[in-house]
Amino acid sequence: MKMIPIKSKEFIAMGYNEEESAIYVEDKQEITRVFANKSKDEFEQFYSSKQHDYFYLYVLRSLQHKIVQVTT
């Protein structure tokens, strides 16, 4: 899986893992969050959204996710 750099106020990179069907998002605090059971289409919608920050905050509040990596 390759993380794609994003210019945003809230996060810095995102990627899609096809084997896990999961979206990975790394935020400015260097926390990587995994959103499981997501389709490639949902990833593309997230990636191409004109309102990345708003969409990301909405997803964090409304969908279950797990933290897989905290880098300090």
N, C-alpha and C. Protein backbone atom coordinates (compact mmCIF):
# COMPACT_ATOMS: atom_id res chain seq x y z
N MET A 1 0.85 -1.18 0.00
CA MET A 1 0.00 0.00 0.00
C MET A 1 0.89 1.24 0.00
N LYS A 2 0.53 2.17 -0.82
CA LYS A 2 1.27 3.42 -0.92
C LYS A 2 0.43 4.55 -0.33
N MET A 3 1.04 5.32 0.56
CA MET A 3 0.37 6.49 1.13
C MET A 3 0.56 7.66 0.16
N ILE A 4 -0.51 8.38 -0.09
CA ILE A 4 -0.50 9.53 -1.00
C ILE A 4 -0.47 10.80 -0.17
N PRO A 5 0.55 11.66 -0.36
CA PRO A 5 0.59 12.91 0.40
C PRO A 5 -0.59 13.82 0.05
N ILE A 6 -1.14 14.47 1.07
CA ILE A 6 -2.28 15.37 0.91
C ILE A 6 -1.95 16.69 1.60
N LYS A 7 -2.29 17.79 0.96
CA LYS A 7 -2.13 19.09 1.62
C LYS A 7 -3.46 19.43 2.26
N SER A 8 -3.46 19.43 3.57
CA SER A 8 -4.69 19.62 4.33
C SER A 8 -4.35 20.20 5.69
N LYS A 9 -5.33 20.79 6.34
CA LYS A 9 -5.12 21.30 7.71
C LYS A 9 -5.10 20.17 8.72
N GLU A 10 -5.80 19.07 8.44
CA GLU A 10 -5.99 18.01 9.42
C GLU A 10 -5.11 16.78 9.22
N PHE A 11 -4.79 16.42 7.99
CA PHE A 11 -4.02 15.20 7.77
C PHE A 11 -2.99 15.38 6.67
N ILE A 12 -2.04 14.43 6.60
CA ILE A 12 -0.92 14.59 5.67
C ILE A 12 -0.83 13.53 4.58
N ALA A 13 -1.46 12.37 4.80
CA ALA A 13 -1.39 11.32 3.78
C ALA A 13 -2.55 10.35 3.95
N MET A 14 -2.85 9.65 2.85
CA MET A 14 -3.87 8.62 2.90
C MET A 14 -3.56 7.54 1.89
N GLY A 15 -4.09 6.35 2.13
CA GLY A 15 -3.88 5.24 1.22
C GLY A 15 -4.99 4.22 1.34
N TYR A 16 -5.03 3.30 0.37
CA TYR A 16 -6.06 2.26 0.38
C TYR A 16 -5.38 0.89 0.32
N ASN A 17 -5.75 0.01 1.24
CA ASN A 17 -5.23 -1.34 1.28
C ASN A 17 -6.30 -2.27 0.73
N GLU A 18 -6.06 -2.80 -0.47
CA GLU A 18 -7.07 -3.64 -1.13
C GLU A 18 -7.27 -4.97 -0.42
N GLU A 19 -6.20 -5.54 0.15
CA GLU A 19 -6.32 -6.82 0.84
C GLU A 19 -7.22 -6.71 2.07
N GLU A 20 -7.15 -5.59 2.77
CA GLU A 20 -7.94 -5.37 3.98
C GLU A 20 -9.25 -4.63 3.69
N SER A 21 -9.38 -4.08 2.50
CA SER A 21 -10.51 -3.20 2.16
C SER A 21 -10.61 -2.09 3.20
N ALA A 22 -9.49 -1.38 3.38
CA ALA A 22 -9.43 -0.36 4.42
C ALA A 22 -8.75 0.90 3.91
N ILE A 23 -9.24 2.02 4.43
CA ILE A 23 -8.63 3.33 4.15
C ILE A 23 -7.71 3.67 5.31
N TYR A 24 -6.49 4.05 5.01
CA TYR A 24 -5.51 4.49 6.01
C TYR A 24 -5.34 5.99 5.89
N VAL A 25 -5.37 6.69 7.02
CA VAL A 25 -5.20 8.14 7.03
C VAL A 25 -4.19 8.51 8.11
N GLU A 26 -3.16 9.27 7.73
CA GLU A 26 -2.18 9.76 8.70
C GLU A 26 -2.43 11.25 8.92
N ASP A 27 -2.61 11.64 10.19
CA ASP A 27 -2.93 13.03 10.47
C ASP A 27 -1.69 13.82 10.91
N LYS A 28 -1.90 15.10 11.19
CA LYS A 28 -0.78 16.00 11.54
C LYS A 28 -0.09 15.60 12.84
N GLN A 29 -0.77 14.85 13.71
CA GLN A 29 -0.15 14.39 14.95
C GLN A 29 0.60 13.07 14.73
N GLU A 30 0.75 12.68 13.47
CA GLU A 30 1.44 11.45 13.06
C GLU A 30 0.76 10.20 13.61
N ILE A 31 -0.55 10.25 13.67
CA ILE A 31 -1.37 9.11 14.06
C ILE A 31 -1.98 8.53 12.79
N THR A 32 -1.81 7.22 12.60
CA THR A 32 -2.41 6.56 11.45
C THR A 32 -3.68 5.86 11.90
N ARG A 33 -4.77 6.17 11.23
CA ARG A 33 -6.07 5.59 11.56
C ARG A 33 -6.52 4.70 10.40
N VAL A 34 -7.18 3.60 10.74
CA VAL A 34 -7.65 2.65 9.74
C VAL A 34 -9.18 2.60 9.78
N PHE A 35 -9.78 2.78 8.62
CA PHE A 35 -11.23 2.69 8.46
C PHE A 35 -11.50 1.42 7.66
N ALA A 36 -11.94 0.36 8.37
CA ALA A 36 -12.12 -0.96 7.76
C ALA A 36 -13.41 -1.05 6.97
N ASN A 37 -13.47 -2.07 6.12
CA ASN A 37 -14.67 -2.37 5.32
C ASN A 37 -15.09 -1.20 4.45
N LYS A 38 -14.12 -0.58 3.80
CA LYS A 38 -14.39 0.52 2.89
C LYS A 38 -14.00 0.12 1.47
N SER A 39 -14.78 0.53 0.52
CA SER A 39 -14.52 0.18 -0.88
C SER A 39 -13.50 1.14 -1.50
N LYS A 40 -12.98 0.71 -2.64
CA LYS A 40 -12.07 1.57 -3.40
C LYS A 40 -12.80 2.85 -3.83
N ASP A 41 -14.08 2.73 -4.14
CA ASP A 41 -14.89 3.90 -4.52
C ASP A 41 -14.98 4.90 -3.37
N GLU A 42 -15.16 4.41 -2.15
CA GLU A 42 -15.22 5.30 -0.98
C GLU A 42 -13.87 6.01 -0.79
N PHE A 43 -12.78 5.28 -1.01
CA PHE A 43 -11.46 5.90 -0.94
C PHE A 43 -11.32 7.00 -1.99
N GLU A 44 -11.72 6.70 -3.22
CA GLU A 44 -11.62 7.69 -4.31
C GLU A 44 -12.48 8.92 -4.00
N GLN A 45 -13.66 8.70 -3.42
CA GLN A 45 -14.52 9.83 -3.04
C GLN A 45 -13.83 10.69 -1.99
N PHE A 46 -13.25 10.05 -1.00
CA PHE A 46 -12.52 10.76 0.06
C PHE A 46 -11.33 11.52 -0.54
N TYR A 47 -10.54 10.82 -1.36
CA TYR A 47 -9.34 11.42 -1.94
C TYR A 47 -9.66 12.60 -2.86
N SER A 48 -10.71 12.50 -3.62
CA SER A 48 -11.03 13.56 -4.59
C SER A 48 -11.94 14.64 -4.03
N SER A 49 -12.34 14.52 -2.77
CA SER A 49 -13.21 15.50 -2.16
C SER A 49 -12.55 16.88 -2.15
N LYS A 50 -13.32 17.88 -2.47
CA LYS A 50 -12.81 19.26 -2.43
C LYS A 50 -12.73 19.78 -1.00
N GLN A 51 -13.38 19.07 -0.08
CA GLN A 51 -13.40 19.50 1.32
C GLN A 51 -12.79 18.42 2.19
N HIS A 52 -11.52 18.12 1.97
CA HIS A 52 -10.83 17.06 2.71
C HIS A 52 -11.01 17.18 4.22
N ASP A 53 -10.74 18.36 4.77
CA ASP A 53 -10.77 18.52 6.22
C ASP A 53 -12.16 18.27 6.79
N TYR A 54 -13.16 18.84 6.16
CA TYR A 54 -14.53 18.65 6.63
C TYR A 54 -14.90 17.17 6.56
N PHE A 55 -14.59 16.53 5.43
CA PHE A 55 -14.94 15.13 5.24
C PHE A 55 -14.21 14.25 6.24
N TYR A 56 -12.93 14.53 6.47
CA TYR A 56 -12.14 13.75 7.42
C TYR A 56 -12.71 13.87 8.83
N LEU A 57 -13.02 15.06 9.28
CA LEU A 57 -13.59 15.25 10.62
C LEU A 57 -14.96 14.56 10.73
N TYR A 58 -15.75 14.62 9.67
CA TYR A 58 -17.03 13.92 9.67
C TYR A 58 -16.82 12.42 9.82
N VAL A 59 -15.87 11.87 9.07
CA VAL A 59 -15.59 10.44 9.12
C VAL A 59 -15.10 10.05 10.51
N LEU A 60 -14.21 10.84 11.10
CA LEU A 60 -13.70 10.52 12.44
C LEU A 60 -14.83 10.46 13.47
N ARG A 61 -15.77 11.36 13.36
CA ARG A 61 -16.87 11.40 14.33
C ARG A 61 -17.90 10.31 14.09
N SER A 62 -18.11 9.92 12.84
CA SER A 62 -19.24 9.05 12.54
C SER A 62 -18.90 7.59 12.29
N LEU A 63 -17.66 7.27 11.96
CA LEU A 63 -17.31 5.89 11.64
C LEU A 63 -16.34 5.31 12.66
N GLN A 64 -16.49 4.02 12.90
CA GLN A 64 -15.53 3.35 13.78
C GLN A 64 -14.21 3.21 13.05
N HIS A 65 -13.14 3.39 13.80
CA HIS A 65 -11.81 3.24 13.24
C HIS A 65 -10.88 2.78 14.34
N LYS A 66 -9.70 2.34 13.94
CA LYS A 66 -8.70 1.97 14.93
C LYS A 66 -7.41 2.70 14.62
N ILE A 67 -6.63 2.93 15.65
CA ILE A 67 -5.33 3.57 15.50
C ILE A 67 -4.30 2.45 15.39
N VAL A 68 -3.51 2.48 14.33
CA VAL A 68 -2.52 1.42 14.13
C VAL A 68 -1.10 1.88 14.38
N GLN A 69 -0.87 3.18 14.39
CA GLN A 69 0.49 3.66 14.53
C GLN A 69 0.48 5.07 15.11
N VAL A 70 1.28 5.26 16.12
CA VAL A 70 1.52 6.60 16.66
C VAL A 70 3.01 6.81 16.62
N THR A 71 3.46 7.78 15.85
CA THR A 71 4.88 8.06 15.71
C THR A 71 5.21 9.35 16.46
N THR A 72 6.22 9.29 17.31
CA THR A 72 6.61 10.50 18.03
C THR A 72 8.06 10.81 17.82
